[in-house]
N, C-alpha and C. Protein backbone atom coordinates (compact mmCIF):
# COMPACT_ATOMS: atom_id res chain seq x y z
N UNK A 1 -106.42 -63.74 18.28
CA UNK A 1 -107.12 -64.99 18.17
C UNK A 1 -106.31 -66.06 18.91
N UNK A 2 -106.96 -66.74 19.83
CA UNK A 2 -106.25 -67.75 20.61
C UNK A 2 -106.22 -69.08 19.86
N UNK A 3 -105.20 -69.80 20.17
CA UNK A 3 -105.06 -71.11 19.53
C UNK A 3 -106.10 -72.05 20.10
N UNK A 4 -106.62 -72.87 19.27
CA UNK A 4 -107.61 -73.84 19.75
C UNK A 4 -106.89 -74.91 20.56
N UNK A 5 -107.58 -75.49 21.52
CA UNK A 5 -106.94 -76.53 22.32
C UNK A 5 -106.56 -77.72 21.44
N UNK A 6 -105.52 -78.39 21.83
CA UNK A 6 -105.14 -79.54 21.02
C UNK A 6 -106.25 -80.58 21.01
N UNK A 7 -106.40 -81.20 19.90
CA UNK A 7 -107.44 -82.23 19.83
C UNK A 7 -106.96 -83.46 20.61
N UNK A 8 -107.90 -84.17 21.22
CA UNK A 8 -107.48 -85.34 21.98
C UNK A 8 -106.85 -86.37 21.05
N UNK A 9 -105.94 -87.15 21.59
CA UNK A 9 -105.31 -88.17 20.74
C UNK A 9 -106.35 -89.17 20.25
N UNK A 10 -106.11 -89.65 19.09
CA UNK A 10 -106.99 -90.68 18.54
C UNK A 10 -106.86 -91.92 19.41
N UNK A 11 -107.98 -92.45 19.80
CA UNK A 11 -107.96 -93.66 20.62
C UNK A 11 -107.90 -94.86 19.69
N UNK A 12 -106.81 -95.59 19.80
CA UNK A 12 -106.65 -96.80 18.99
C UNK A 12 -107.16 -97.97 19.81
N UNK A 13 -108.08 -98.75 19.26
CA UNK A 13 -108.60 -99.89 20.03
C UNK A 13 -107.45 -100.80 20.47
N UNK A 14 -107.59 -101.32 21.66
CA UNK A 14 -106.56 -102.23 22.17
C UNK A 14 -106.53 -103.50 21.33
N UNK A 15 -105.44 -104.21 21.43
CA UNK A 15 -105.34 -105.48 20.72
C UNK A 15 -106.47 -106.42 21.14
N UNK A 16 -106.81 -106.40 22.43
CA UNK A 16 -107.91 -107.27 22.89
C UNK A 16 -109.22 -106.88 22.23
N UNK A 17 -109.49 -105.59 22.16
CA UNK A 17 -110.74 -105.13 21.53
C UNK A 17 -110.74 -105.49 20.04
N UNK A 18 -109.62 -105.33 19.38
CA UNK A 18 -109.53 -105.71 17.97
C UNK A 18 -109.74 -107.21 17.81
N UNK A 19 -109.19 -107.96 18.74
CA UNK A 19 -109.33 -109.41 18.68
C UNK A 19 -110.77 -109.83 18.88
N UNK A 20 -111.47 -109.19 19.81
CA UNK A 20 -112.89 -109.50 20.01
C UNK A 20 -113.67 -109.22 18.73
N UNK A 21 -113.35 -108.12 18.06
CA UNK A 21 -114.00 -107.82 16.77
C UNK A 21 -113.71 -108.90 15.74
N UNK A 22 -112.49 -109.36 15.70
CA UNK A 22 -112.09 -110.43 14.79
C UNK A 22 -112.86 -111.72 15.11
N UNK A 23 -112.96 -112.05 16.39
CA UNK A 23 -113.70 -113.26 16.79
C UNK A 23 -115.18 -113.15 16.43
N UNK A 24 -115.72 -111.95 16.55
CA UNK A 24 -117.12 -111.75 16.13
C UNK A 24 -117.27 -112.00 14.63
N UNK A 25 -116.32 -111.50 13.84
CA UNK A 25 -116.37 -111.73 12.39
C UNK A 25 -116.32 -113.22 12.05
N UNK A 26 -115.61 -113.98 12.89
CA UNK A 26 -115.50 -115.42 12.67
C UNK A 26 -116.71 -116.20 13.18
N UNK A 27 -117.64 -115.50 13.83
CA UNK A 27 -118.87 -116.14 14.28
C UNK A 27 -118.86 -116.67 15.70
N UNK A 28 -117.84 -116.32 16.50
CA UNK A 28 -117.75 -116.85 17.87
C UNK A 28 -118.94 -116.48 18.73
N UNK A 29 -119.59 -115.37 18.41
CA UNK A 29 -120.74 -114.92 19.19
C UNK A 29 -121.98 -115.77 18.90
N UNK A 30 -121.95 -116.52 17.82
CA UNK A 30 -123.11 -117.33 17.42
C UNK A 30 -122.97 -118.80 17.81
N UNK A 31 -121.83 -119.17 18.38
CA UNK A 31 -121.58 -120.58 18.70
C UNK A 31 -121.92 -120.84 20.17
N UNK A 32 -122.81 -121.79 20.39
CA UNK A 32 -123.20 -122.14 21.76
C UNK A 32 -122.03 -122.79 22.48
N UNK A 33 -121.94 -122.48 23.76
CA UNK A 33 -120.86 -123.00 24.60
C UNK A 33 -121.39 -123.05 26.02
N UNK A 34 -120.94 -123.98 26.85
CA UNK A 34 -121.42 -123.99 28.24
C UNK A 34 -121.25 -122.62 28.90
N UNK A 35 -122.30 -122.10 29.46
CA UNK A 35 -122.23 -120.78 30.09
C UNK A 35 -122.49 -119.65 29.13
N UNK A 36 -123.06 -119.92 27.96
CA UNK A 36 -123.38 -118.85 27.02
C UNK A 36 -122.83 -119.15 25.64
N UNK A 37 -122.22 -118.14 25.05
CA UNK A 37 -121.63 -118.31 23.72
C UNK A 37 -120.14 -118.55 23.84
N UNK A 38 -119.55 -119.02 22.76
CA UNK A 38 -118.11 -119.21 22.74
C UNK A 38 -117.40 -117.88 23.00
N UNK A 39 -117.88 -116.80 22.39
CA UNK A 39 -117.24 -115.51 22.59
C UNK A 39 -117.29 -115.08 24.05
N UNK A 40 -118.42 -115.29 24.71
CA UNK A 40 -118.52 -114.93 26.13
C UNK A 40 -117.50 -115.72 26.95
N UNK A 41 -117.37 -117.00 26.67
CA UNK A 41 -116.39 -117.84 27.37
C UNK A 41 -114.97 -117.34 27.12
N UNK A 42 -114.63 -117.08 25.87
CA UNK A 42 -113.29 -116.61 25.53
C UNK A 42 -112.96 -115.31 26.26
N UNK A 43 -113.93 -114.41 26.32
CA UNK A 43 -113.71 -113.14 27.02
C UNK A 43 -113.53 -113.35 28.52
N UNK A 44 -114.27 -114.27 29.09
CA UNK A 44 -114.10 -114.55 30.52
C UNK A 44 -112.74 -115.17 30.82
N UNK A 45 -112.27 -116.05 29.94
CA UNK A 45 -110.94 -116.64 30.11
C UNK A 45 -109.88 -115.55 30.05
N UNK A 46 -110.02 -114.64 29.10
CA UNK A 46 -109.09 -113.50 28.99
C UNK A 46 -109.07 -112.70 30.29
N UNK A 47 -110.25 -112.38 30.81
CA UNK A 47 -110.33 -111.58 32.05
C UNK A 47 -109.75 -112.34 33.25
N UNK A 48 -109.96 -113.63 33.29
CA UNK A 48 -109.41 -114.42 34.39
C UNK A 48 -107.89 -114.42 34.33
N UNK A 49 -107.33 -114.61 33.16
CA UNK A 49 -105.88 -114.57 33.01
C UNK A 49 -105.34 -113.18 33.37
N UNK A 50 -106.07 -112.14 33.01
CA UNK A 50 -105.65 -110.79 33.38
C UNK A 50 -105.68 -110.63 34.90
N UNK A 51 -106.69 -111.16 35.55
CA UNK A 51 -106.79 -111.08 37.01
C UNK A 51 -105.64 -111.83 37.68
N UNK A 52 -105.10 -112.83 37.01
CA UNK A 52 -103.96 -113.58 37.53
C UNK A 52 -102.63 -112.95 37.13
N UNK A 53 -102.68 -111.77 36.51
CA UNK A 53 -101.47 -111.05 36.07
C UNK A 53 -100.67 -111.80 35.01
N UNK A 54 -101.34 -112.55 34.18
CA UNK A 54 -100.66 -113.22 33.06
C UNK A 54 -100.11 -112.16 32.11
N UNK A 55 -99.03 -112.49 31.45
CA UNK A 55 -98.46 -111.53 30.50
C UNK A 55 -99.42 -111.35 29.31
N UNK A 56 -99.30 -110.25 28.58
CA UNK A 56 -100.25 -109.96 27.49
C UNK A 56 -100.39 -111.08 26.46
N UNK A 57 -99.30 -111.72 26.07
CA UNK A 57 -99.41 -112.78 25.05
C UNK A 57 -100.27 -113.94 25.55
N UNK A 58 -100.14 -114.30 26.81
CA UNK A 58 -100.95 -115.40 27.34
C UNK A 58 -102.41 -114.98 27.46
N UNK A 59 -102.66 -113.74 27.82
CA UNK A 59 -104.04 -113.25 27.87
C UNK A 59 -104.69 -113.34 26.50
N UNK A 60 -103.96 -112.89 25.47
CA UNK A 60 -104.51 -112.93 24.11
C UNK A 60 -104.69 -114.37 23.64
N UNK A 61 -103.77 -115.24 24.03
CA UNK A 61 -103.95 -116.66 23.70
C UNK A 61 -105.21 -117.19 24.37
N UNK A 62 -105.47 -116.78 25.60
CA UNK A 62 -106.69 -117.19 26.28
C UNK A 62 -107.93 -116.70 25.56
N UNK A 63 -107.85 -115.50 25.01
CA UNK A 63 -108.98 -114.94 24.28
C UNK A 63 -109.26 -115.72 22.99
N UNK A 64 -108.23 -116.36 22.44
CA UNK A 64 -108.38 -117.09 21.17
C UNK A 64 -108.11 -118.57 21.30
N UNK A 65 -108.11 -119.10 22.52
CA UNK A 65 -107.63 -120.46 22.72
C UNK A 65 -108.40 -121.53 21.95
N UNK A 66 -109.61 -121.24 21.54
CA UNK A 66 -110.41 -122.22 20.79
C UNK A 66 -110.45 -121.91 19.29
N UNK A 67 -109.59 -121.02 18.83
CA UNK A 67 -109.63 -120.61 17.42
C UNK A 67 -109.51 -121.79 16.46
N UNK A 68 -108.66 -122.75 16.77
CA UNK A 68 -108.47 -123.92 15.91
C UNK A 68 -109.21 -125.14 16.45
N UNK A 69 -110.11 -124.92 17.40
CA UNK A 69 -110.75 -126.02 18.10
C UNK A 69 -109.77 -126.57 19.13
N UNK A 70 -110.27 -127.41 20.01
CA UNK A 70 -109.40 -128.05 21.00
C UNK A 70 -109.80 -129.50 21.13
N UNK A 71 -109.03 -130.22 21.89
CA UNK A 71 -109.33 -131.62 22.15
C UNK A 71 -110.67 -131.78 22.85
N UNK A 72 -111.09 -130.74 23.59
CA UNK A 72 -112.35 -130.80 24.32
C UNK A 72 -113.49 -130.05 23.65
N UNK A 73 -113.19 -129.25 22.63
CA UNK A 73 -114.20 -128.45 21.93
C UNK A 73 -113.81 -128.39 20.46
N UNK A 74 -114.31 -129.32 19.65
CA UNK A 74 -113.80 -129.47 18.28
C UNK A 74 -114.18 -128.36 17.29
N UNK A 75 -115.14 -127.53 17.63
CA UNK A 75 -115.56 -126.48 16.70
C UNK A 75 -114.43 -125.47 16.51
N UNK A 76 -113.97 -125.31 15.28
CA UNK A 76 -112.88 -124.39 14.97
C UNK A 76 -113.42 -123.15 14.28
N UNK A 77 -112.84 -122.00 14.63
CA UNK A 77 -113.17 -120.75 13.96
C UNK A 77 -112.28 -120.54 12.74
N UNK A 78 -111.10 -121.09 12.79
CA UNK A 78 -110.12 -120.96 11.71
C UNK A 78 -109.50 -122.31 11.41
N UNK A 79 -109.17 -122.55 10.16
CA UNK A 79 -108.41 -123.75 9.82
C UNK A 79 -106.94 -123.46 10.06
N UNK A 80 -106.16 -124.49 10.21
CA UNK A 80 -104.74 -124.33 10.50
C UNK A 80 -103.97 -123.62 9.40
N UNK A 81 -104.49 -123.63 8.19
CA UNK A 81 -103.80 -122.92 7.11
C UNK A 81 -104.00 -121.40 7.21
N UNK A 82 -104.73 -120.95 8.24
CA UNK A 82 -104.94 -119.51 8.45
C UNK A 82 -104.19 -119.00 9.69
N UNK A 83 -103.17 -119.72 10.11
CA UNK A 83 -102.42 -119.33 11.30
C UNK A 83 -101.82 -117.93 11.17
N UNK A 84 -101.32 -117.58 10.01
CA UNK A 84 -100.71 -116.25 9.85
C UNK A 84 -101.75 -115.15 10.04
N UNK A 85 -102.98 -115.43 9.69
CA UNK A 85 -104.06 -114.45 9.88
C UNK A 85 -104.27 -114.17 11.37
N UNK A 86 -104.31 -115.22 12.17
CA UNK A 86 -104.47 -115.03 13.61
C UNK A 86 -103.23 -114.35 14.20
N UNK A 87 -102.06 -114.73 13.74
CA UNK A 87 -100.81 -114.13 14.24
C UNK A 87 -100.78 -112.63 13.96
N UNK A 88 -101.34 -112.19 12.84
CA UNK A 88 -101.39 -110.75 12.55
C UNK A 88 -102.26 -110.02 13.55
N UNK A 89 -103.27 -110.69 14.08
CA UNK A 89 -104.19 -110.06 15.02
C UNK A 89 -103.63 -110.06 16.44
N UNK A 90 -103.11 -111.20 16.90
CA UNK A 90 -102.71 -111.31 18.30
C UNK A 90 -101.20 -111.39 18.51
N UNK A 91 -100.44 -111.48 17.44
CA UNK A 91 -98.99 -111.58 17.55
C UNK A 91 -98.54 -113.03 17.49
N UNK A 92 -97.31 -113.25 17.03
CA UNK A 92 -96.83 -114.62 16.85
C UNK A 92 -96.67 -115.43 18.14
N UNK A 93 -96.28 -114.78 19.23
CA UNK A 93 -96.12 -115.52 20.49
C UNK A 93 -97.47 -116.05 20.97
N UNK A 94 -98.49 -115.21 20.98
CA UNK A 94 -99.82 -115.63 21.41
C UNK A 94 -100.38 -116.69 20.48
N UNK A 95 -100.17 -116.52 19.17
CA UNK A 95 -100.69 -117.50 18.22
C UNK A 95 -100.03 -118.85 18.42
N UNK A 96 -98.75 -118.87 18.73
CA UNK A 96 -98.06 -120.14 18.96
C UNK A 96 -98.67 -120.87 20.16
N UNK A 97 -99.00 -120.12 21.22
CA UNK A 97 -99.64 -120.74 22.39
C UNK A 97 -100.99 -121.32 21.99
N UNK A 98 -101.77 -120.56 21.21
CA UNK A 98 -103.08 -121.04 20.74
C UNK A 98 -102.91 -122.32 19.94
N UNK A 99 -101.94 -122.33 19.05
CA UNK A 99 -101.73 -123.50 18.21
C UNK A 99 -101.35 -124.73 19.03
N UNK A 100 -100.42 -124.56 19.96
CA UNK A 100 -99.98 -125.70 20.77
C UNK A 100 -101.13 -126.18 21.67
N UNK A 101 -101.89 -125.23 22.23
CA UNK A 101 -103.04 -125.61 23.06
C UNK A 101 -104.06 -126.40 22.24
N UNK A 102 -104.31 -125.95 21.02
CA UNK A 102 -105.25 -126.65 20.15
C UNK A 102 -104.74 -128.02 19.77
N UNK A 103 -103.42 -128.14 19.57
CA UNK A 103 -102.83 -129.40 19.12
C UNK A 103 -102.73 -130.43 20.23
N UNK A 104 -102.81 -129.99 21.49
CA UNK A 104 -102.55 -130.88 22.62
C UNK A 104 -103.56 -132.02 22.71
N UNK A 105 -103.05 -133.23 22.70
CA UNK A 105 -103.85 -134.40 23.02
C UNK A 105 -103.88 -134.44 24.54
N UNK A 106 -104.97 -134.01 25.12
CA UNK A 106 -105.05 -133.83 26.57
C UNK A 106 -104.84 -135.11 27.35
N UNK A 107 -105.54 -136.16 26.94
CA UNK A 107 -105.48 -137.42 27.69
C UNK A 107 -104.04 -137.94 27.77
N UNK A 108 -103.28 -137.78 26.70
CA UNK A 108 -101.91 -138.28 26.68
C UNK A 108 -100.92 -137.30 27.31
N UNK A 109 -101.16 -136.01 27.18
CA UNK A 109 -100.19 -135.00 27.61
C UNK A 109 -100.35 -134.59 29.07
N UNK A 110 -101.59 -134.41 29.54
CA UNK A 110 -101.81 -133.89 30.89
C UNK A 110 -101.10 -134.65 32.01
N UNK A 111 -101.11 -135.99 32.01
CA UNK A 111 -100.51 -136.69 33.15
C UNK A 111 -99.05 -136.32 33.42
N UNK A 112 -98.28 -136.02 32.38
CA UNK A 112 -96.87 -135.72 32.57
C UNK A 112 -96.50 -134.27 32.35
N UNK A 113 -97.48 -133.40 32.21
CA UNK A 113 -97.18 -132.02 31.81
C UNK A 113 -96.18 -131.34 32.73
N UNK A 114 -96.22 -131.62 34.02
CA UNK A 114 -95.31 -130.95 34.96
C UNK A 114 -93.91 -131.56 34.97
N UNK A 115 -93.73 -132.72 34.39
CA UNK A 115 -92.41 -133.37 34.37
C UNK A 115 -91.53 -132.74 33.28
N UNK A 116 -90.29 -132.42 33.61
CA UNK A 116 -89.42 -131.72 32.66
C UNK A 116 -89.26 -132.39 31.30
N UNK A 117 -89.17 -133.71 31.25
CA UNK A 117 -88.92 -134.39 29.98
C UNK A 117 -90.12 -135.13 29.43
N UNK A 118 -91.28 -134.89 30.00
CA UNK A 118 -92.48 -135.60 29.53
C UNK A 118 -92.82 -135.14 28.12
N UNK A 119 -93.23 -136.06 27.26
CA UNK A 119 -93.56 -135.67 25.90
C UNK A 119 -94.90 -134.93 25.80
N UNK A 120 -94.97 -134.07 24.83
CA UNK A 120 -96.21 -133.39 24.44
C UNK A 120 -96.74 -134.17 23.25
N UNK A 121 -97.98 -134.61 23.34
CA UNK A 121 -98.59 -135.38 22.26
C UNK A 121 -99.47 -134.47 21.42
N UNK A 122 -99.20 -134.47 20.12
CA UNK A 122 -99.87 -133.57 19.18
C UNK A 122 -101.00 -134.31 18.48
N UNK A 123 -102.23 -133.86 18.69
CA UNK A 123 -103.38 -134.54 18.08
C UNK A 123 -103.47 -134.27 16.58
N UNK A 124 -102.85 -133.20 16.11
CA UNK A 124 -102.89 -132.90 14.68
C UNK A 124 -101.93 -133.79 13.89
N UNK A 125 -100.74 -134.00 14.42
CA UNK A 125 -99.73 -134.78 13.70
C UNK A 125 -99.67 -136.23 14.15
N UNK A 126 -100.18 -136.51 15.36
CA UNK A 126 -100.06 -137.85 15.91
C UNK A 126 -98.70 -138.12 16.53
N UNK A 127 -97.81 -137.14 16.46
CA UNK A 127 -96.46 -137.32 17.00
C UNK A 127 -96.33 -136.82 18.43
N UNK A 128 -95.13 -136.98 18.96
CA UNK A 128 -94.81 -136.50 20.29
C UNK A 128 -93.51 -135.71 20.21
N UNK A 129 -93.39 -134.73 21.10
CA UNK A 129 -92.18 -133.90 21.13
C UNK A 129 -92.05 -133.29 22.51
N UNK A 130 -90.90 -132.73 22.77
CA UNK A 130 -90.68 -132.03 24.03
C UNK A 130 -91.12 -130.57 23.87
N UNK A 131 -91.61 -129.98 24.95
CA UNK A 131 -91.89 -128.54 24.96
C UNK A 131 -91.20 -127.95 26.19
N UNK A 132 -90.72 -126.72 26.06
CA UNK A 132 -89.97 -126.12 27.15
C UNK A 132 -90.88 -125.76 28.33
N UNK A 133 -90.25 -125.50 29.47
CA UNK A 133 -91.01 -125.23 30.69
C UNK A 133 -91.93 -124.03 30.54
N UNK A 134 -91.48 -122.98 29.91
CA UNK A 134 -92.32 -121.79 29.76
C UNK A 134 -93.62 -122.12 29.03
N UNK A 135 -93.52 -122.90 27.97
CA UNK A 135 -94.73 -123.28 27.22
C UNK A 135 -95.59 -124.23 28.06
N UNK A 136 -94.99 -125.12 28.82
CA UNK A 136 -95.77 -126.00 29.69
C UNK A 136 -96.50 -125.19 30.75
N UNK A 137 -95.86 -124.14 31.28
CA UNK A 137 -96.53 -123.24 32.23
C UNK A 137 -97.72 -122.56 31.57
N UNK A 138 -97.52 -122.09 30.33
CA UNK A 138 -98.62 -121.45 29.60
C UNK A 138 -99.79 -122.41 29.40
N UNK A 139 -99.48 -123.65 29.02
CA UNK A 139 -100.54 -124.65 28.80
C UNK A 139 -101.29 -124.94 30.09
N UNK A 140 -100.57 -125.07 31.19
CA UNK A 140 -101.21 -125.33 32.48
C UNK A 140 -102.08 -124.16 32.91
N UNK A 141 -101.57 -122.95 32.79
CA UNK A 141 -102.31 -121.76 33.21
C UNK A 141 -103.56 -121.56 32.35
N UNK A 142 -103.40 -121.77 31.05
CA UNK A 142 -104.54 -121.63 30.14
C UNK A 142 -105.57 -122.72 30.39
N UNK A 143 -105.13 -123.92 30.66
CA UNK A 143 -106.06 -125.00 31.00
C UNK A 143 -106.83 -124.65 32.27
N UNK A 144 -106.12 -124.14 33.26
CA UNK A 144 -106.79 -123.76 34.52
C UNK A 144 -107.82 -122.68 34.27
N UNK A 145 -107.46 -121.65 33.52
CA UNK A 145 -108.40 -120.55 33.26
C UNK A 145 -109.62 -121.06 32.49
N UNK A 146 -109.38 -121.90 31.50
CA UNK A 146 -110.47 -122.44 30.69
C UNK A 146 -111.43 -123.27 31.55
N UNK A 147 -110.89 -124.22 32.29
CA UNK A 147 -111.74 -125.12 33.06
C UNK A 147 -112.38 -124.43 34.27
N UNK A 148 -111.65 -123.53 34.92
CA UNK A 148 -112.22 -122.84 36.07
C UNK A 148 -113.33 -121.88 35.65
N UNK A 149 -113.22 -121.31 34.45
CA UNK A 149 -114.34 -120.49 33.98
C UNK A 149 -115.59 -121.35 33.83
N UNK A 150 -115.44 -122.52 33.24
CA UNK A 150 -116.60 -123.40 33.07
C UNK A 150 -117.16 -123.82 34.42
N UNK A 151 -116.28 -124.12 35.37
CA UNK A 151 -116.73 -124.51 36.71
C UNK A 151 -117.43 -123.36 37.41
N UNK A 152 -117.00 -122.16 37.16
CA UNK A 152 -117.60 -120.99 37.82
C UNK A 152 -119.00 -120.72 37.28
N UNK A 153 -119.20 -120.83 35.97
CA UNK A 153 -120.50 -120.45 35.39
C UNK A 153 -121.48 -121.60 35.29
N UNK A 154 -121.01 -122.83 35.50
CA UNK A 154 -121.89 -123.98 35.31
C UNK A 154 -121.78 -124.92 36.52
N UNK A 155 -122.70 -124.78 37.49
CA UNK A 155 -122.64 -125.62 38.70
C UNK A 155 -122.69 -127.12 38.41
N UNK A 156 -123.41 -127.51 37.38
CA UNK A 156 -123.49 -128.94 37.04
C UNK A 156 -122.11 -129.43 36.58
N UNK A 157 -121.45 -128.64 35.74
CA UNK A 157 -120.09 -128.97 35.30
C UNK A 157 -119.16 -129.07 36.51
N UNK A 158 -119.26 -128.09 37.42
CA UNK A 158 -118.40 -128.06 38.61
C UNK A 158 -118.62 -129.30 39.47
N UNK A 159 -119.87 -129.68 39.67
CA UNK A 159 -120.17 -130.85 40.50
C UNK A 159 -119.67 -132.13 39.85
N UNK A 160 -119.87 -132.22 38.53
CA UNK A 160 -119.47 -133.44 37.83
C UNK A 160 -117.95 -133.56 37.70
N UNK A 161 -117.28 -132.47 37.38
CA UNK A 161 -115.86 -132.53 37.04
C UNK A 161 -114.93 -131.92 38.09
N UNK A 162 -115.46 -131.28 39.11
CA UNK A 162 -114.63 -130.60 40.10
C UNK A 162 -113.54 -131.46 40.71
N UNK A 163 -113.85 -132.66 41.22
CA UNK A 163 -112.79 -133.49 41.82
C UNK A 163 -111.69 -133.86 40.81
N UNK A 164 -112.10 -134.18 39.58
CA UNK A 164 -111.10 -134.52 38.56
C UNK A 164 -110.23 -133.31 38.21
N UNK A 165 -110.87 -132.14 38.12
CA UNK A 165 -110.10 -130.93 37.83
C UNK A 165 -109.13 -130.62 38.96
N UNK A 166 -109.57 -130.78 40.17
CA UNK A 166 -108.71 -130.52 41.31
C UNK A 166 -107.49 -131.44 41.29
N UNK A 167 -107.70 -132.71 40.97
CA UNK A 167 -106.59 -133.65 40.86
C UNK A 167 -105.66 -133.25 39.71
N UNK A 168 -106.24 -132.84 38.59
CA UNK A 168 -105.44 -132.40 37.45
C UNK A 168 -104.57 -131.20 37.83
N UNK A 169 -105.18 -130.20 38.48
CA UNK A 169 -104.44 -129.00 38.84
C UNK A 169 -103.39 -129.29 39.92
N UNK A 170 -103.66 -130.25 40.78
CA UNK A 170 -102.65 -130.65 41.77
C UNK A 170 -101.41 -131.20 41.05
N UNK A 171 -101.64 -131.94 39.97
CA UNK A 171 -100.53 -132.44 39.17
C UNK A 171 -99.79 -131.33 38.44
N UNK A 172 -100.50 -130.27 38.10
CA UNK A 172 -99.91 -129.11 37.42
C UNK A 172 -99.27 -128.14 38.40
N UNK A 173 -99.44 -128.34 39.69
CA UNK A 173 -99.08 -127.32 40.68
C UNK A 173 -97.73 -126.67 40.46
N UNK A 174 -96.67 -127.42 40.10
CA UNK A 174 -95.38 -126.76 39.88
C UNK A 174 -95.39 -125.75 38.72
N UNK A 175 -96.39 -125.84 37.84
CA UNK A 175 -96.46 -124.98 36.67
C UNK A 175 -97.42 -123.81 36.84
N UNK A 176 -98.33 -123.89 37.79
CA UNK A 176 -99.39 -122.88 37.93
C UNK A 176 -98.93 -121.68 38.74
N UNK A 177 -99.48 -120.53 38.41
CA UNK A 177 -99.25 -119.33 39.21
C UNK A 177 -99.96 -119.49 40.55
N UNK A 178 -99.54 -118.71 41.52
CA UNK A 178 -100.22 -118.73 42.81
C UNK A 178 -101.67 -118.33 42.70
N UNK A 179 -101.96 -117.37 41.81
CA UNK A 179 -103.34 -116.90 41.64
C UNK A 179 -104.23 -118.01 41.06
N UNK A 180 -103.70 -118.75 40.09
CA UNK A 180 -104.49 -119.84 39.49
C UNK A 180 -104.76 -120.92 40.53
N UNK A 181 -103.74 -121.28 41.31
CA UNK A 181 -103.92 -122.31 42.33
C UNK A 181 -104.92 -121.85 43.39
N UNK A 182 -104.83 -120.60 43.78
CA UNK A 182 -105.77 -120.07 44.78
C UNK A 182 -107.20 -120.10 44.25
N UNK A 183 -107.38 -119.73 42.99
CA UNK A 183 -108.71 -119.78 42.37
C UNK A 183 -109.24 -121.21 42.35
N UNK A 184 -108.38 -122.16 42.01
CA UNK A 184 -108.79 -123.57 42.00
C UNK A 184 -109.23 -123.99 43.39
N UNK A 185 -108.47 -123.59 44.40
CA UNK A 185 -108.81 -123.95 45.77
C UNK A 185 -110.11 -123.33 46.21
N UNK A 186 -110.32 -122.06 45.88
CA UNK A 186 -111.54 -121.36 46.26
C UNK A 186 -112.76 -121.99 45.59
N UNK A 187 -112.63 -122.26 44.30
CA UNK A 187 -113.77 -122.75 43.54
C UNK A 187 -114.03 -124.24 43.72
N UNK A 188 -112.94 -124.99 43.82
CA UNK A 188 -113.07 -126.46 43.85
C UNK A 188 -112.76 -127.07 45.20
N UNK A 189 -112.30 -126.24 46.16
CA UNK A 189 -112.01 -126.76 47.49
C UNK A 189 -110.71 -127.51 47.58
N UNK A 190 -109.61 -126.87 47.21
CA UNK A 190 -108.30 -127.56 47.15
C UNK A 190 -107.67 -127.82 48.49
N UNK A 191 -108.25 -127.38 49.54
CA UNK A 191 -107.77 -127.53 50.91
C UNK A 191 -106.46 -128.21 51.17
N UNK A 192 -106.38 -129.52 51.05
CA UNK A 192 -105.24 -130.25 51.56
C UNK A 192 -104.05 -130.40 50.66
N UNK A 193 -104.00 -129.78 49.48
CA UNK A 193 -102.85 -129.99 48.60
C UNK A 193 -101.69 -129.09 49.00
N UNK A 194 -100.47 -129.60 48.89
CA UNK A 194 -99.30 -128.82 49.30
C UNK A 194 -99.00 -127.69 48.34
N UNK A 195 -98.28 -126.71 48.87
CA UNK A 195 -97.80 -125.60 48.04
C UNK A 195 -96.73 -126.11 47.09
N UNK A 196 -96.45 -125.31 46.05
CA UNK A 196 -95.42 -125.76 45.11
C UNK A 196 -94.04 -125.49 45.65
């Protein structure tokens, strides 16, 4: 009697797939968002970050970047007292990026984001603090992925906000990956801005 072939290994869903399931449980698929549902947008941001070769933690942060709501999209899937729950799903590094992205007061923080000592303004606490360069790079890259996805799927958004986004990303240029900057140029026509 011959031995039966080994059974194939059990396929464990990837963290991204588990996270998508978690987001569905939280109702992200039912929330309207420019270009479809919130879940569709979150998945596109994840894929865009992956296309830019972002590290796994930043990709997962992109997938959940609106979990606590943002300065531009106030609908939250989770309250801040559930941070440990999200961290169990995506890991503490990714959750920290999500939290800081959600906390960012954009109007106050964006103008100086590329400056080494510029303060980060927290909309949850009302305070200001310094954030390290790595986190500022994550915030810039995630902002680019978020806004460029909206510009890609919504021509009206692109026409209305494209010039402002291009100026914003030019200010972020020292923090953005080459892939993010190239995408901004392709989509928004960055032509004349200098390299970092």
